[in-house]
Amino acid sequence: MTQVCSLPSKRTAVSNPIAWSFGLVLLMQAVPVGVGWSATVEVYYGPDDAPLDRLLTLYRQATRYLFVAVYGLTSPRAVEAMVEAKKRGVDVRMITDRQRTEDIKQRTALDTLHLAGIPILVNEHDGLMHLKQVVIDDEVNVSGSMNHTTSGNRYNDERLDVMTDREITVKAREKFLSMWNDHARFREWK
């Protein structure tokens, strides 16, 4: 035998303040209000918005640390901004793909960073470094499809998201540092 359960009419549910309050409390517990909702996200598309230009502005604003994990970094302007940050006393670190270091432009960029005293790690799992992330001062983190290259800024269809949120950025920093400290998957370049 099928049992039929009747629900109260809409009028009854809405007019009962106790039921309404109870429903609101349940909704608030089910939806994580406030978690990540305070984040500001700026979205830049390449080539129209010249996303690397925005990224370099952020490099220049770093005061404590600048952690870069990216497959390709060949832009001389990006290298220059990272070296300038290092000279200002910012803790600058980079993780990239070992296989990508065979590219002459990438090698030139890494040589310049290395000579400036910027530590560089490469992965031991070639071709799997797809992360494109920058973490700055526990306040800003950047992610998207763009490699830090002139082509990524001027020609390619790319996206760069700039997130200003302490909680999200701290999580990104922790991920970067867990990769940095993973000596089975990453090793020092040079």
N, C-alpha and C. Protein backbone atom coordinates (compact mmCIF):
# COMPACT_ATOMS: atom_id res chain seq x y z
N MET A 1 0.84 -1.16 0.00
CA MET A 1 0.00 0.00 0.00
C MET A 1 0.90 1.24 0.00
N THR A 2 0.64 2.20 -0.86
CA THR A 2 1.39 3.43 -0.94
C THR A 2 0.79 4.44 0.02
N GLN A 3 1.66 5.05 0.81
CA GLN A 3 1.20 6.05 1.75
C GLN A 3 1.42 7.43 1.15
N VAL A 4 0.46 8.27 1.21
CA VAL A 4 0.56 9.61 0.67
C VAL A 4 0.74 10.57 1.84
N CYS A 5 1.74 11.41 1.71
CA CYS A 5 2.01 12.41 2.74
C CYS A 5 1.67 13.77 2.17
N SER A 6 0.87 14.51 2.82
CA SER A 6 0.52 15.83 2.31
C SER A 6 1.39 16.87 2.99
N LEU A 7 1.87 17.79 2.20
CA LEU A 7 2.67 18.89 2.71
C LEU A 7 1.76 20.06 3.03
N PRO A 8 2.16 20.88 3.97
CA PRO A 8 1.33 22.05 4.27
C PRO A 8 1.30 22.98 3.07
N SER A 9 0.26 23.71 2.95
CA SER A 9 0.16 24.65 1.83
C SER A 9 1.23 25.71 1.96
N LYS A 10 1.52 26.36 0.84
CA LYS A 10 2.53 27.42 0.83
C LYS A 10 2.15 28.52 1.82
N ARG A 11 0.88 28.82 1.89
CA ARG A 11 0.39 29.87 2.78
C ARG A 11 0.70 29.52 4.24
N THR A 12 0.54 28.26 4.62
CA THR A 12 0.78 27.83 5.98
C THR A 12 2.26 27.93 6.32
N ALA A 13 3.13 27.45 5.39
CA ALA A 13 4.57 27.44 5.65
C ALA A 13 5.12 28.85 5.76
N VAL A 14 4.67 29.75 4.91
CA VAL A 14 5.17 31.11 4.92
C VAL A 14 4.64 31.88 6.11
N SER A 15 3.42 31.61 6.50
CA SER A 15 2.83 32.37 7.59
C SER A 15 3.31 31.89 8.96
N ASN A 16 3.96 30.75 9.04
CA ASN A 16 4.44 30.25 10.32
C ASN A 16 5.87 30.73 10.53
N PRO A 17 6.08 31.73 11.39
CA PRO A 17 7.41 32.29 11.58
C PRO A 17 8.42 31.30 12.14
N ILE A 18 7.98 30.36 12.94
CA ILE A 18 8.90 29.36 13.49
C ILE A 18 9.41 28.46 12.37
N ALA A 19 8.53 28.02 11.51
CA ALA A 19 8.95 27.17 10.38
C ALA A 19 9.87 27.95 9.45
N TRP A 20 9.55 29.20 9.19
CA TRP A 20 10.37 30.04 8.32
C TRP A 20 11.78 30.21 8.92
N SER A 21 11.87 30.50 10.20
CA SER A 21 13.16 30.66 10.86
C SER A 21 13.96 29.37 10.84
N PHE A 22 13.29 28.27 11.10
CA PHE A 22 13.96 26.97 11.09
C PHE A 22 14.53 26.67 9.69
N GLY A 23 13.73 26.95 8.68
CA GLY A 23 14.19 26.73 7.30
C GLY A 23 15.39 27.60 6.96
N LEU A 24 15.38 28.83 7.41
CA LEU A 24 16.50 29.75 7.16
C LEU A 24 17.77 29.27 7.86
N VAL A 25 17.64 28.78 9.08
CA VAL A 25 18.80 28.24 9.81
C VAL A 25 19.37 27.03 9.06
N LEU A 26 18.50 26.14 8.58
CA LEU A 26 18.97 24.98 7.82
C LEU A 26 19.69 25.40 6.55
N LEU A 27 19.16 26.39 5.86
CA LEU A 27 19.79 26.88 4.63
C LEU A 27 21.16 27.49 4.93
N MET A 28 21.27 28.24 6.01
CA MET A 28 22.54 28.86 6.38
C MET A 28 23.59 27.80 6.72
N GLN A 29 23.18 26.70 7.30
CA GLN A 29 24.13 25.64 7.63
C GLN A 29 24.54 24.86 6.39
N ALA A 30 23.65 24.76 5.42
CA ALA A 30 23.93 24.00 4.21
C ALA A 30 24.82 24.76 3.25
N VAL A 31 24.73 26.07 3.23
CA VAL A 31 25.50 26.91 2.31
C VAL A 31 26.58 27.62 3.11
N PRO A 32 27.85 27.46 2.74
CA PRO A 32 28.94 28.08 3.50
C PRO A 32 29.01 29.58 3.27
N VAL A 33 28.15 30.31 3.93
CA VAL A 33 28.10 31.76 3.78
C VAL A 33 29.40 32.37 4.27
N GLY A 34 29.98 33.24 3.46
CA GLY A 34 31.18 33.94 3.85
C GLY A 34 32.46 33.29 3.38
N VAL A 35 32.47 31.98 3.19
CA VAL A 35 33.69 31.30 2.79
C VAL A 35 33.97 31.64 1.33
N GLY A 36 35.02 32.41 1.09
CA GLY A 36 35.40 32.76 -0.26
C GLY A 36 34.51 33.82 -0.91
N TRP A 37 33.49 34.26 -0.22
CA TRP A 37 32.57 35.22 -0.82
C TRP A 37 33.13 36.63 -0.78
N SER A 38 34.15 36.86 -0.02
CA SER A 38 34.70 38.20 0.08
C SER A 38 35.78 38.42 -0.97
N ALA A 39 36.10 37.42 -1.74
CA ALA A 39 37.16 37.53 -2.72
C ALA A 39 36.79 38.51 -3.83
N THR A 40 37.79 39.24 -4.28
CA THR A 40 37.65 40.07 -5.46
C THR A 40 38.40 39.37 -6.58
N VAL A 41 37.75 39.19 -7.71
CA VAL A 41 38.38 38.52 -8.84
C VAL A 41 38.34 39.45 -10.04
N GLU A 42 39.52 39.71 -10.59
CA GLU A 42 39.64 40.47 -11.82
C GLU A 42 39.98 39.47 -12.92
N VAL A 43 39.32 39.55 -14.05
CA VAL A 43 39.55 38.62 -15.14
C VAL A 43 40.10 39.38 -16.34
N TYR A 44 41.23 38.91 -16.85
CA TYR A 44 41.88 39.51 -18.01
C TYR A 44 41.97 38.46 -19.11
N TYR A 45 41.65 38.86 -20.34
CA TYR A 45 41.74 37.96 -21.48
C TYR A 45 42.83 38.46 -22.43
N GLY A 46 43.63 37.51 -22.89
CA GLY A 46 44.64 37.84 -23.88
C GLY A 46 44.12 37.52 -25.25
N PRO A 47 44.53 38.26 -26.22
CA PRO A 47 45.47 39.38 -26.13
C PRO A 47 44.82 40.73 -25.80
N ASP A 48 43.49 40.81 -25.80
CA ASP A 48 42.80 42.09 -25.66
C ASP A 48 43.20 42.88 -24.43
N ASP A 49 43.31 42.23 -23.28
CA ASP A 49 43.58 42.93 -22.01
C ASP A 49 45.05 42.96 -21.62
N ALA A 50 45.93 42.41 -22.47
CA ALA A 50 47.37 42.35 -22.15
C ALA A 50 47.58 41.86 -20.71
N PRO A 51 47.21 40.60 -20.42
CA PRO A 51 47.23 40.10 -19.04
C PRO A 51 48.61 40.12 -18.38
N LEU A 52 49.66 39.96 -19.16
CA LEU A 52 51.00 39.98 -18.56
C LEU A 52 51.32 41.36 -17.98
N ASP A 53 50.80 42.40 -18.61
CA ASP A 53 51.03 43.75 -18.08
C ASP A 53 50.47 43.87 -16.66
N ARG A 54 49.26 43.33 -16.43
CA ARG A 54 48.66 43.35 -15.08
C ARG A 54 49.51 42.53 -14.11
N LEU A 55 49.97 41.37 -14.59
CA LEU A 55 50.78 40.50 -13.75
C LEU A 55 52.08 41.21 -13.33
N LEU A 56 52.70 41.91 -14.24
CA LEU A 56 53.96 42.60 -13.93
C LEU A 56 53.73 43.72 -12.91
N THR A 57 52.58 44.37 -12.98
CA THR A 57 52.24 45.37 -11.96
C THR A 57 52.20 44.72 -10.58
N LEU A 58 51.62 43.53 -10.52
CA LEU A 58 51.57 42.81 -9.24
C LEU A 58 52.96 42.39 -8.78
N TYR A 59 53.81 41.92 -9.69
CA TYR A 59 55.20 41.58 -9.35
C TYR A 59 55.87 42.78 -8.67
N ARG A 60 55.63 43.96 -9.22
CA ARG A 60 56.29 45.18 -8.71
C ARG A 60 55.72 45.62 -7.36
N GLN A 61 54.52 45.16 -7.02
CA GLN A 61 53.90 45.53 -5.75
C GLN A 61 54.24 44.57 -4.61
N ALA A 62 54.86 43.44 -4.92
CA ALA A 62 55.21 42.46 -3.88
C ALA A 62 56.17 43.08 -2.88
N THR A 63 55.93 42.82 -1.59
CA THR A 63 56.81 43.35 -0.55
C THR A 63 57.45 42.25 0.30
N ARG A 64 56.78 41.08 0.41
CA ARG A 64 57.31 40.00 1.25
C ARG A 64 57.77 38.81 0.43
N TYR A 65 56.87 38.30 -0.40
CA TYR A 65 57.25 37.15 -1.22
C TYR A 65 56.51 37.15 -2.55
N LEU A 66 57.11 36.46 -3.50
CA LEU A 66 56.57 36.30 -4.84
C LEU A 66 56.90 34.88 -5.27
N PHE A 67 55.89 34.00 -5.24
CA PHE A 67 56.09 32.59 -5.59
C PHE A 67 55.43 32.34 -6.94
N VAL A 68 56.22 31.89 -7.89
CA VAL A 68 55.75 31.69 -9.26
C VAL A 68 55.88 30.22 -9.63
N ALA A 69 54.79 29.61 -10.03
CA ALA A 69 54.80 28.24 -10.56
C ALA A 69 54.19 28.33 -11.95
N VAL A 70 55.00 28.07 -12.97
CA VAL A 70 54.52 28.26 -14.34
C VAL A 70 55.29 27.36 -15.30
N TYR A 71 54.60 26.86 -16.29
CA TYR A 71 55.24 26.02 -17.31
C TYR A 71 56.23 26.84 -18.14
N GLY A 72 55.79 27.97 -18.65
CA GLY A 72 56.65 28.77 -19.52
C GLY A 72 56.84 30.18 -19.02
N LEU A 73 58.09 30.59 -18.87
CA LEU A 73 58.41 31.97 -18.52
C LEU A 73 59.57 32.40 -19.41
N THR A 74 59.23 33.17 -20.44
CA THR A 74 60.26 33.63 -21.37
C THR A 74 60.24 35.14 -21.56
N SER A 75 59.24 35.81 -21.03
CA SER A 75 59.14 37.26 -21.22
C SER A 75 60.28 37.97 -20.50
N PRO A 76 61.10 38.72 -21.25
CA PRO A 76 62.16 39.50 -20.59
C PRO A 76 61.61 40.47 -19.55
N ARG A 77 60.42 41.01 -19.79
CA ARG A 77 59.82 41.95 -18.82
C ARG A 77 59.44 41.23 -17.53
N ALA A 78 58.97 40.00 -17.64
CA ALA A 78 58.63 39.23 -16.44
C ALA A 78 59.89 38.90 -15.65
N VAL A 79 60.93 38.51 -16.36
CA VAL A 79 62.21 38.21 -15.71
C VAL A 79 62.73 39.45 -15.00
N GLU A 80 62.70 40.58 -15.68
CA GLU A 80 63.17 41.83 -15.09
C GLU A 80 62.39 42.19 -13.84
N ALA A 81 61.08 42.04 -13.87
CA ALA A 81 60.25 42.36 -12.70
C ALA A 81 60.55 41.43 -11.52
N MET A 82 60.82 40.15 -11.80
CA MET A 82 61.18 39.22 -10.73
C MET A 82 62.54 39.57 -10.13
N VAL A 83 63.49 39.92 -10.99
CA VAL A 83 64.83 40.30 -10.49
C VAL A 83 64.73 41.59 -9.67
N GLU A 84 63.94 42.55 -10.13
CA GLU A 84 63.75 43.79 -9.36
C GLU A 84 63.15 43.49 -7.99
N ALA A 85 62.19 42.58 -7.94
CA ALA A 85 61.59 42.20 -6.66
C ALA A 85 62.64 41.59 -5.73
N LYS A 86 63.47 40.73 -6.27
CA LYS A 86 64.55 40.11 -5.49
C LYS A 86 65.48 41.19 -4.92
N LYS A 87 65.82 42.17 -5.74
CA LYS A 87 66.70 43.26 -5.30
C LYS A 87 66.05 44.11 -4.20
N ARG A 88 64.73 44.17 -4.18
CA ARG A 88 64.02 44.91 -3.12
C ARG A 88 63.94 44.11 -1.83
N GLY A 89 64.43 42.89 -1.83
CA GLY A 89 64.40 42.06 -0.64
C GLY A 89 63.21 41.11 -0.57
N VAL A 90 62.47 40.99 -1.65
CA VAL A 90 61.32 40.09 -1.70
C VAL A 90 61.84 38.65 -1.86
N ASP A 91 61.23 37.71 -1.17
CA ASP A 91 61.54 36.28 -1.31
C ASP A 91 60.90 35.80 -2.61
N VAL A 92 61.72 35.66 -3.65
CA VAL A 92 61.23 35.25 -4.97
C VAL A 92 61.66 33.81 -5.21
N ARG A 93 60.70 32.96 -5.60
CA ARG A 93 60.98 31.56 -5.91
C ARG A 93 60.19 31.18 -7.16
N MET A 94 60.73 30.20 -7.88
CA MET A 94 60.05 29.75 -9.09
C MET A 94 60.09 28.24 -9.21
N ILE A 95 58.98 27.67 -9.68
CA ILE A 95 58.91 26.25 -10.04
C ILE A 95 58.46 26.18 -11.49
N THR A 96 59.16 25.35 -12.27
CA THR A 96 58.80 25.20 -13.68
C THR A 96 59.00 23.76 -14.13
N ASP A 97 58.73 23.52 -15.40
CA ASP A 97 58.82 22.18 -15.97
C ASP A 97 60.23 21.90 -16.48
N ARG A 98 60.78 20.77 -16.10
CA ARG A 98 62.14 20.41 -16.52
C ARG A 98 62.27 20.33 -18.03
N GLN A 99 61.30 19.71 -18.67
CA GLN A 99 61.36 19.57 -20.12
C GLN A 99 61.35 20.93 -20.82
N ARG A 100 60.63 21.87 -20.26
CA ARG A 100 60.54 23.22 -20.83
C ARG A 100 61.88 23.95 -20.77
N THR A 101 62.78 23.53 -19.87
CA THR A 101 64.08 24.19 -19.75
C THR A 101 64.97 23.93 -20.97
N GLU A 102 64.55 23.02 -21.83
CA GLU A 102 65.31 22.77 -23.06
C GLU A 102 65.09 23.85 -24.10
N ASP A 103 64.03 24.64 -23.95
CA ASP A 103 63.77 25.76 -24.85
C ASP A 103 64.78 26.86 -24.58
N ILE A 104 65.41 27.40 -25.62
CA ILE A 104 66.49 28.38 -25.44
C ILE A 104 65.99 29.65 -24.75
N LYS A 105 64.79 30.11 -25.07
CA LYS A 105 64.26 31.32 -24.41
C LYS A 105 64.01 31.07 -22.93
N GLN A 106 63.48 29.89 -22.62
CA GLN A 106 63.22 29.56 -21.21
C GLN A 106 64.55 29.45 -20.46
N ARG A 107 65.53 28.79 -21.08
CA ARG A 107 66.84 28.64 -20.44
C ARG A 107 67.48 30.00 -20.18
N THR A 108 67.37 30.92 -21.14
CA THR A 108 67.93 32.26 -20.96
C THR A 108 67.26 32.97 -19.78
N ALA A 109 65.94 32.87 -19.70
CA ALA A 109 65.22 33.49 -18.59
C ALA A 109 65.65 32.88 -17.26
N LEU A 110 65.74 31.55 -17.21
CA LEU A 110 66.13 30.88 -15.97
C LEU A 110 67.57 31.21 -15.58
N ASP A 111 68.46 31.30 -16.56
CA ASP A 111 69.86 31.68 -16.27
C ASP A 111 69.90 33.06 -15.61
N THR A 112 69.12 33.99 -16.14
CA THR A 112 69.09 35.35 -15.59
C THR A 112 68.55 35.34 -14.15
N LEU A 113 67.47 34.61 -13.94
CA LEU A 113 66.91 34.51 -12.59
C LEU A 113 67.90 33.86 -11.63
N HIS A 114 68.54 32.80 -12.09
CA HIS A 114 69.52 32.08 -11.27
C HIS A 114 70.70 32.99 -10.89
N LEU A 115 71.19 33.76 -11.85
CA LEU A 115 72.30 34.69 -11.58
C LEU A 115 71.89 35.77 -10.57
N ALA A 116 70.61 36.10 -10.53
CA ALA A 116 70.12 37.10 -9.58
C ALA A 116 69.89 36.50 -8.19
N GLY A 117 70.11 35.19 -8.06
CA GLY A 117 69.95 34.55 -6.75
C GLY A 117 68.55 34.02 -6.48
N ILE A 118 67.74 33.91 -7.52
CA ILE A 118 66.38 33.40 -7.35
C ILE A 118 66.42 31.88 -7.48
N PRO A 119 66.00 31.18 -6.43
CA PRO A 119 66.01 29.71 -6.50
C PRO A 119 64.91 29.20 -7.44
N ILE A 120 65.26 28.16 -8.20
CA ILE A 120 64.35 27.60 -9.19
C ILE A 120 64.31 26.09 -9.00
N LEU A 121 63.12 25.56 -8.94
CA LEU A 121 62.94 24.11 -8.92
C LEU A 121 62.30 23.67 -10.23
N VAL A 122 62.65 22.45 -10.65
CA VAL A 122 62.01 21.84 -11.81
C VAL A 122 61.43 20.51 -11.38
N ASN A 123 60.39 20.10 -12.09
CA ASN A 123 59.74 18.85 -11.73
C ASN A 123 60.54 17.65 -12.23
N GLU A 124 60.38 16.55 -11.57
CA GLU A 124 60.99 15.28 -11.98
C GLU A 124 59.99 14.45 -12.79
N HIS A 125 58.87 15.00 -13.09
CA HIS A 125 57.82 14.32 -13.84
C HIS A 125 57.53 15.13 -15.10
N ASP A 126 58.45 15.09 -16.06
CA ASP A 126 58.41 15.91 -17.26
C ASP A 126 57.05 16.01 -17.92
N GLY A 127 56.76 17.21 -18.37
CA GLY A 127 55.56 17.47 -19.15
C GLY A 127 54.28 17.54 -18.35
N LEU A 128 54.36 17.41 -17.03
CA LEU A 128 53.15 17.40 -16.22
C LEU A 128 52.94 18.70 -15.45
N MET A 129 53.84 19.65 -15.62
CA MET A 129 53.73 20.93 -14.92
C MET A 129 52.81 21.85 -15.71
N HIS A 130 51.53 21.83 -15.38
CA HIS A 130 50.57 22.67 -16.07
C HIS A 130 50.12 23.85 -15.23
N LEU A 131 50.50 23.87 -13.97
CA LEU A 131 50.09 24.93 -13.06
C LEU A 131 50.66 26.27 -13.53
N LYS A 132 49.81 27.26 -13.51
CA LYS A 132 50.23 28.63 -13.81
C LYS A 132 49.67 29.48 -12.69
N GLN A 133 50.49 29.69 -11.68
CA GLN A 133 50.01 30.35 -10.47
C GLN A 133 51.09 31.26 -9.92
N VAL A 134 50.68 32.41 -9.44
CA VAL A 134 51.56 33.34 -8.74
C VAL A 134 50.90 33.64 -7.41
N VAL A 135 51.68 33.63 -6.34
CA VAL A 135 51.16 33.94 -5.01
C VAL A 135 51.99 35.08 -4.45
N ILE A 136 51.30 36.11 -3.97
CA ILE A 136 52.00 37.33 -3.53
C ILE A 136 51.50 37.74 -2.15
N ASP A 137 52.42 37.75 -1.19
CA ASP A 137 52.21 38.39 0.13
C ASP A 137 50.95 37.97 0.89
N ASP A 138 50.49 36.76 0.74
CA ASP A 138 49.28 36.27 1.42
C ASP A 138 48.04 37.09 1.10
N GLU A 139 48.08 37.89 0.05
CA GLU A 139 46.94 38.76 -0.27
C GLU A 139 46.40 38.53 -1.67
N VAL A 140 47.27 38.24 -2.63
CA VAL A 140 46.86 38.13 -4.03
C VAL A 140 47.41 36.84 -4.60
N ASN A 141 46.57 36.14 -5.37
CA ASN A 141 47.08 35.02 -6.15
C ASN A 141 46.47 35.09 -7.54
N VAL A 142 47.25 34.61 -8.48
CA VAL A 142 46.91 34.71 -9.89
C VAL A 142 46.91 33.32 -10.48
N SER A 143 45.94 33.06 -11.31
CA SER A 143 45.84 31.75 -11.95
C SER A 143 45.20 31.94 -13.32
N GLY A 144 45.36 30.95 -14.18
CA GLY A 144 44.74 31.02 -15.50
C GLY A 144 45.52 30.19 -16.49
N SER A 145 45.27 30.42 -17.75
CA SER A 145 45.90 29.63 -18.81
C SER A 145 47.22 30.22 -19.29
N MET A 146 47.50 31.45 -18.93
CA MET A 146 48.62 32.18 -19.53
C MET A 146 49.98 31.79 -18.97
N ASN A 147 50.86 31.38 -19.87
CA ASN A 147 52.28 31.29 -19.53
C ASN A 147 52.82 32.72 -19.54
N HIS A 148 53.92 32.94 -18.85
CA HIS A 148 54.46 34.29 -18.71
C HIS A 148 55.41 34.56 -19.88
N THR A 149 54.79 34.70 -21.03
CA THR A 149 55.53 34.86 -22.28
C THR A 149 54.97 36.06 -23.04
N THR A 150 55.75 36.55 -23.99
CA THR A 150 55.29 37.64 -24.85
C THR A 150 54.09 37.19 -25.66
N SER A 151 54.12 35.96 -26.16
CA SER A 151 52.98 35.45 -26.93
C SER A 151 51.73 35.35 -26.08
N GLY A 152 51.90 34.94 -24.83
CA GLY A 152 50.76 34.85 -23.92
C GLY A 152 50.12 36.20 -23.67
N ASN A 153 50.89 37.26 -23.82
CA ASN A 153 50.39 38.61 -23.59
C ASN A 153 49.82 39.23 -24.86
N ARG A 154 50.47 39.00 -26.00
CA ARG A 154 50.12 39.73 -27.23
C ARG A 154 49.31 38.96 -28.26
N TYR A 155 49.43 37.63 -28.30
CA TYR A 155 48.86 36.89 -29.41
C TYR A 155 47.87 35.79 -29.02
N ASN A 156 48.15 35.07 -27.98
CA ASN A 156 47.37 33.89 -27.63
C ASN A 156 46.02 34.25 -27.03
N ASP A 157 45.08 33.34 -27.18
CA ASP A 157 43.82 33.44 -26.46
C ASP A 157 44.08 32.89 -25.06
N GLU A 158 44.08 33.76 -24.08
CA GLU A 158 44.46 33.40 -22.72
C GLU A 158 43.48 33.99 -21.72
N ARG A 159 43.56 33.49 -20.51
CA ARG A 159 42.77 34.05 -19.41
C ARG A 159 43.69 34.13 -18.19
N LEU A 160 43.58 35.24 -17.47
CA LEU A 160 44.34 35.44 -16.24
C LEU A 160 43.36 35.96 -15.19
N ASP A 161 43.23 35.23 -14.08
CA ASP A 161 42.36 35.62 -12.98
C ASP A 161 43.23 36.11 -11.83
N VAL A 162 42.94 37.30 -11.37
CA VAL A 162 43.66 37.89 -10.24
C VAL A 162 42.69 37.90 -9.06
N MET A 163 43.01 37.10 -8.04
CA MET A 163 42.13 36.96 -6.87
C MET A 163 42.74 37.67 -5.67
N THR A 164 41.99 38.56 -5.09
CA THR A 164 42.43 39.25 -3.89
C THR A 164 41.58 38.72 -2.74
N ASP A 165 42.17 37.82 -1.98
CA ASP A 165 41.49 37.20 -0.86
C ASP A 165 42.53 36.48 -0.02
N ARG A 166 42.61 36.83 1.24
CA ARG A 166 43.64 36.26 2.11
C ARG A 166 43.49 34.74 2.25
N GLU A 167 42.28 34.26 2.51
CA GLU A 167 42.08 32.83 2.74
C GLU A 167 42.46 31.98 1.52
N ILE A 168 42.01 32.39 0.36
CA ILE A 168 42.33 31.66 -0.87
C ILE A 168 43.82 31.74 -1.16
N THR A 169 44.42 32.90 -0.93
CA THR A 169 45.84 33.10 -1.22
C THR A 169 46.71 32.30 -0.27
N VAL A 170 46.35 32.22 0.99
CA VAL A 170 47.12 31.41 1.94
C VAL A 170 47.07 29.94 1.52
N LYS A 171 45.93 29.48 1.05
CA LYS A 171 45.83 28.10 0.56
C LYS A 171 46.74 27.89 -0.66
N ALA A 172 46.78 28.87 -1.55
CA ALA A 172 47.67 28.79 -2.72
C ALA A 172 49.13 28.78 -2.29
N ARG A 173 49.46 29.60 -1.28
CA ARG A 173 50.85 29.62 -0.77
C ARG A 173 51.21 28.27 -0.18
N GLU A 174 50.30 27.70 0.59
CA GLU A 174 50.57 26.38 1.20
C GLU A 174 50.79 25.32 0.13
N LYS A 175 50.03 25.37 -0.95
CA LYS A 175 50.22 24.41 -2.05
C LYS A 175 51.58 24.61 -2.69
N PHE A 176 51.95 25.87 -2.95
CA PHE A 176 53.26 26.15 -3.53
C PHE A 176 54.37 25.61 -2.63
N LEU A 177 54.28 25.89 -1.33
CA LEU A 177 55.33 25.46 -0.42
C LEU A 177 55.36 23.94 -0.26
N SER A 178 54.22 23.28 -0.36
CA SER A 178 54.24 21.81 -0.31
C SER A 178 54.94 21.25 -1.53
N MET A 179 54.75 21.88 -2.68
CA MET A 179 55.49 21.48 -3.88
C MET A 179 56.98 21.79 -3.69
N TRP A 180 57.28 22.96 -3.16
CA TRP A 180 58.66 23.40 -2.97
C TRP A 180 59.42 22.42 -2.06
N ASN A 181 58.74 21.88 -1.08
CA ASN A 181 59.37 20.97 -0.12
C ASN A 181 59.26 19.50 -0.50
N ASP A 182 58.70 19.20 -1.65
CA ASP A 182 58.56 17.82 -2.13
C ASP A 182 59.78 17.45 -2.97
N HIS A 183 60.79 16.89 -2.30
CA HIS A 183 62.06 16.59 -2.97
C HIS A 183 61.99 15.33 -3.83
N ALA A 184 60.92 14.59 -3.73
CA ALA A 184 60.73 13.43 -4.62
C ALA A 184 60.23 13.87 -5.99
N ARG A 185 59.43 14.94 -6.02
CA ARG A 185 58.84 15.40 -7.28
C ARG A 185 59.57 16.59 -7.90
N PHE A 186 60.31 17.34 -7.09
CA PHE A 186 60.96 18.56 -7.59
C PHE A 186 62.41 18.59 -7.12
N ARG A 187 63.25 19.13 -7.99
CA ARG A 187 64.67 19.27 -7.64
C ARG A 187 65.17 20.66 -8.05
N GLU A 188 66.29 21.05 -7.47
CA GLU A 188 66.87 22.34 -7.78
C GLU A 188 67.36 22.36 -9.22
N TRP A 189 67.08 23.46 -9.90
CA TRP A 189 67.59 23.64 -11.27
C TRP A 189 68.98 24.22 -11.20
N LYS A 190 69.90 23.61 -11.92
CA LYS A 190 71.34 23.99 -11.98
C LYS A 190 72.10 23.49 -10.83
